[in-house]
C-alpha cells in the first residue's frame, strides 16, 4: 500500500526519477567528489523541503528518486538542485 502524504487540502504520492548528466557524459564523478555531491544534494533537498528517497552516483551520471510536494514546481525544484 502506498504511503500517501497529506497537506491541508490534498493527499499526494508524487515521486520523480531524476537523472543528472554532465556535459558530454564526462566521467568526472569519482571517489571523494562522489561523496561530496551526495552530501550537497542531501542538504539542498532538505533546504527545499524535498524528500530524497534514493540516490546513486555513477561514474557519468546521478540517479535520484525524489518526493516533491505538489505545492512546488518540479522544474523549479530541479533548477534549484
C-alpha atoms as a PDB file:
ATOM      1  CA  UNK A   1       0.000   0.000   0.000  1.00  0.00           C
ATOM      2  CA  UNK A   2       1.213   3.485  -0.802  1.00  0.00           C
ATOM      3  CA  UNK A   3       2.357   5.866   1.890  1.00  0.00           C
ATOM      4  CA  UNK A   4       0.276   8.931   0.985  1.00  0.00           C
ATOM      5  CA  UNK A   5       1.449  12.366   2.090  1.00  0.00           C
ATOM      6  CA  UNK A   6      -1.163  14.923   3.079  1.00  0.00           C
ATOM      7  CA  UNK A   7      -1.466  18.676   3.306  1.00  0.00           C
ATOM      8  CA  UNK A   8      -4.423  20.919   4.149  1.00  0.00           C
ATOM      9  CA  UNK A   9      -6.496  20.200   1.030  1.00  0.00           C
ATOM     10  CA  UNK A  10      -4.698  17.433  -0.828  1.00  0.00           C
ATOM     11  CA  UNK A  11      -3.301  13.935  -0.456  1.00  0.00           C
ATOM     12  CA  UNK A  12      -0.437  13.144  -2.784  1.00  0.00           C
ATOM     13  CA  UNK A  13       2.069  10.499  -3.776  1.00  0.00           C
ATOM     14  CA  UNK A  14       4.372  12.373  -6.163  1.00  0.00           C
ATOM     15  CA  UNK A  15       7.656  10.577  -6.782  1.00  0.00           C
ATOM     16  CA  UNK A  16      10.007  11.605  -9.571  1.00  0.00           C
ATOM     17  CA  UNK A  17      13.001   9.758 -11.013  1.00  0.00           C
ATOM     18  CA  UNK A  18      15.618  12.390 -11.881  1.00  0.00           C
ATOM     19  CA  UNK A  19      18.890  11.810 -13.729  1.00  0.00           C
ATOM     20  CA  UNK A  20      21.632  14.459 -13.761  1.00  0.00           C
ATOM     21  CA  UNK A  21      24.139  14.042 -16.594  1.00  0.00           C
ATOM     22  CA  UNK A  22      27.285  16.182 -17.008  1.00  0.00           C
ATOM     23  CA  UNK A  23      28.009  17.691 -20.401  1.00  0.00           C
ATOM     24  CA  UNK A  24      29.248  15.096 -22.914  1.00  0.00           C
ATOM     25  CA  UNK A  25      28.693  12.452 -20.208  1.00  0.00           C
ATOM     26  CA  UNK A  26      32.191  13.147 -18.929  1.00  0.00           C
ATOM     27  CA  UNK A  27      33.261  10.554 -16.401  1.00  0.00           C
ATOM     28  CA  UNK A  28      34.007  13.147 -13.739  1.00  0.00           C
ATOM     29  CA  UNK A  29      32.144  11.705 -10.720  1.00  0.00           C
ATOM     30  CA  UNK A  30      34.772   9.707  -8.805  1.00  0.00           C
ATOM     31  CA  UNK A  31      35.819   8.937  -5.223  1.00  0.00           C
ATOM     32  CA  UNK A  32      35.662  11.912  -2.880  1.00  0.00           C
ATOM     33  CA  UNK A  33      33.772  14.047  -5.404  1.00  0.00           C
ATOM     34  CA  UNK A  34      31.072  11.359  -5.413  1.00  0.00           C
ATOM     35  CA  UNK A  35      30.663  11.583  -1.617  1.00  0.00           C
ATOM     36  CA  UNK A  36      30.695  15.384  -1.644  1.00  0.00           C
ATOM     37  CA  UNK A  37      27.991  15.508  -4.319  1.00  0.00           C
ATOM     38  CA  UNK A  38      25.804  13.214  -2.213  1.00  0.00           C
ATOM     39  CA  UNK A  39      26.127  15.442   0.840  1.00  0.00           C
ATOM     40  CA  UNK A  40      25.474  18.596  -1.153  1.00  0.00           C
ATOM     41  CA  UNK A  41      22.348  17.160  -2.811  1.00  0.00           C
ATOM     42  CA  UNK A  42      21.000  15.900   0.544  1.00  0.00           C
ATOM     43  CA  UNK A  43      21.470  19.359   2.068  1.00  0.00           C
ATOM     44  CA  UNK A  44      19.803  21.112  -0.889  1.00  0.00           C
ATOM     45  CA  UNK A  45      16.845  18.716  -0.715  1.00  0.00           C
ATOM     46  CA  UNK A  46      16.499  19.431   2.992  1.00  0.00           C
ATOM     47  CA  UNK A  47      16.539  23.191   2.352  1.00  0.00           C
ATOM     48  CA  UNK A  48      13.896  22.905  -0.375  1.00  0.00           C
ATOM     49  CA  UNK A  49      11.630  20.580   1.638  1.00  0.00           C
ATOM     50  CA  UNK A  50      12.036  17.689  -0.808  1.00  0.00           C
ATOM     51  CA  UNK A  51      12.402  14.114   0.398  1.00  0.00           C
ATOM     52  CA  UNK A  52      15.356  12.293  -1.169  1.00  0.00           C
ATOM     53  CA  UNK A  53      14.224   8.665  -1.157  1.00  0.00           C
ATOM     54  CA  UNK A  54      17.123   7.106  -3.072  1.00  0.00           C
ATOM     55  CA  UNK A  55      20.217   8.373  -4.786  1.00  0.00           C
ATOM     56  CA  UNK A  56      23.004   6.679  -6.728  1.00  0.00           C
ATOM     57  CA  UNK A  57      26.108   8.334  -8.159  1.00  0.00           C
ATOM     58  CA  UNK A  58      27.530   6.516 -11.167  1.00  0.00           C
ATOM     59  CA  UNK A  59      30.721   7.467 -12.999  1.00  0.00           C
ATOM     60  CA  UNK A  60      28.954   9.615 -15.571  1.00  0.00           C
ATOM     61  CA  UNK A  61      25.518  10.418 -14.106  1.00  0.00           C
ATOM     62  CA  UNK A  62      23.465  10.636 -10.895  1.00  0.00           C
ATOM     63  CA  UNK A  63      20.104   8.927 -10.293  1.00  0.00           C
ATOM     64  CA  UNK A  64      17.746  10.314  -7.652  1.00  0.00           C
ATOM     65  CA  UNK A  65      14.249   9.380  -6.554  1.00  0.00           C
ATOM     66  CA  UNK A  66      12.583  12.476  -5.110  1.00  0.00           C
ATOM     67  CA  UNK A  67       9.233  13.050  -3.448  1.00  0.00           C
ATOM     68  CA  UNK A  68       8.208  16.603  -4.317  1.00  0.00           C
ATOM     69  CA  UNK A  69       5.125  18.195  -2.815  1.00  0.00           C
ATOM     70  CA  UNK A  70       2.535  19.435  -5.362  1.00  0.00           C
ATOM     71  CA  UNK A  71       2.848  22.960  -3.991  1.00  0.00           C
ATOM     72  CA  UNK A  72       6.352  23.151  -5.544  1.00  0.00           C
ATOM     73  CA  UNK A  73       7.035  23.156  -9.267  1.00  0.00           C
ATOM     74  CA  UNK A  74       9.126  20.195 -10.392  1.00  0.00           C
ATOM     75  CA  UNK A  75      11.067  22.395 -12.825  1.00  0.00           C
ATOM     76  CA  UNK A  76      11.913  24.981 -10.138  1.00  0.00           C
ATOM     77  CA  UNK A  77      12.961  22.256  -7.701  1.00  0.00           C
ATOM     78  CA  UNK A  78      15.310  20.627 -10.219  1.00  0.00           C
ATOM     79  CA  UNK A  79      16.655  24.047 -11.162  1.00  0.00           C
ATOM     80  CA  UNK A  80      17.401  24.736  -7.503  1.00  0.00           C
ATOM     81  CA  UNK A  81      19.282  21.447  -7.144  1.00  0.00           C
END
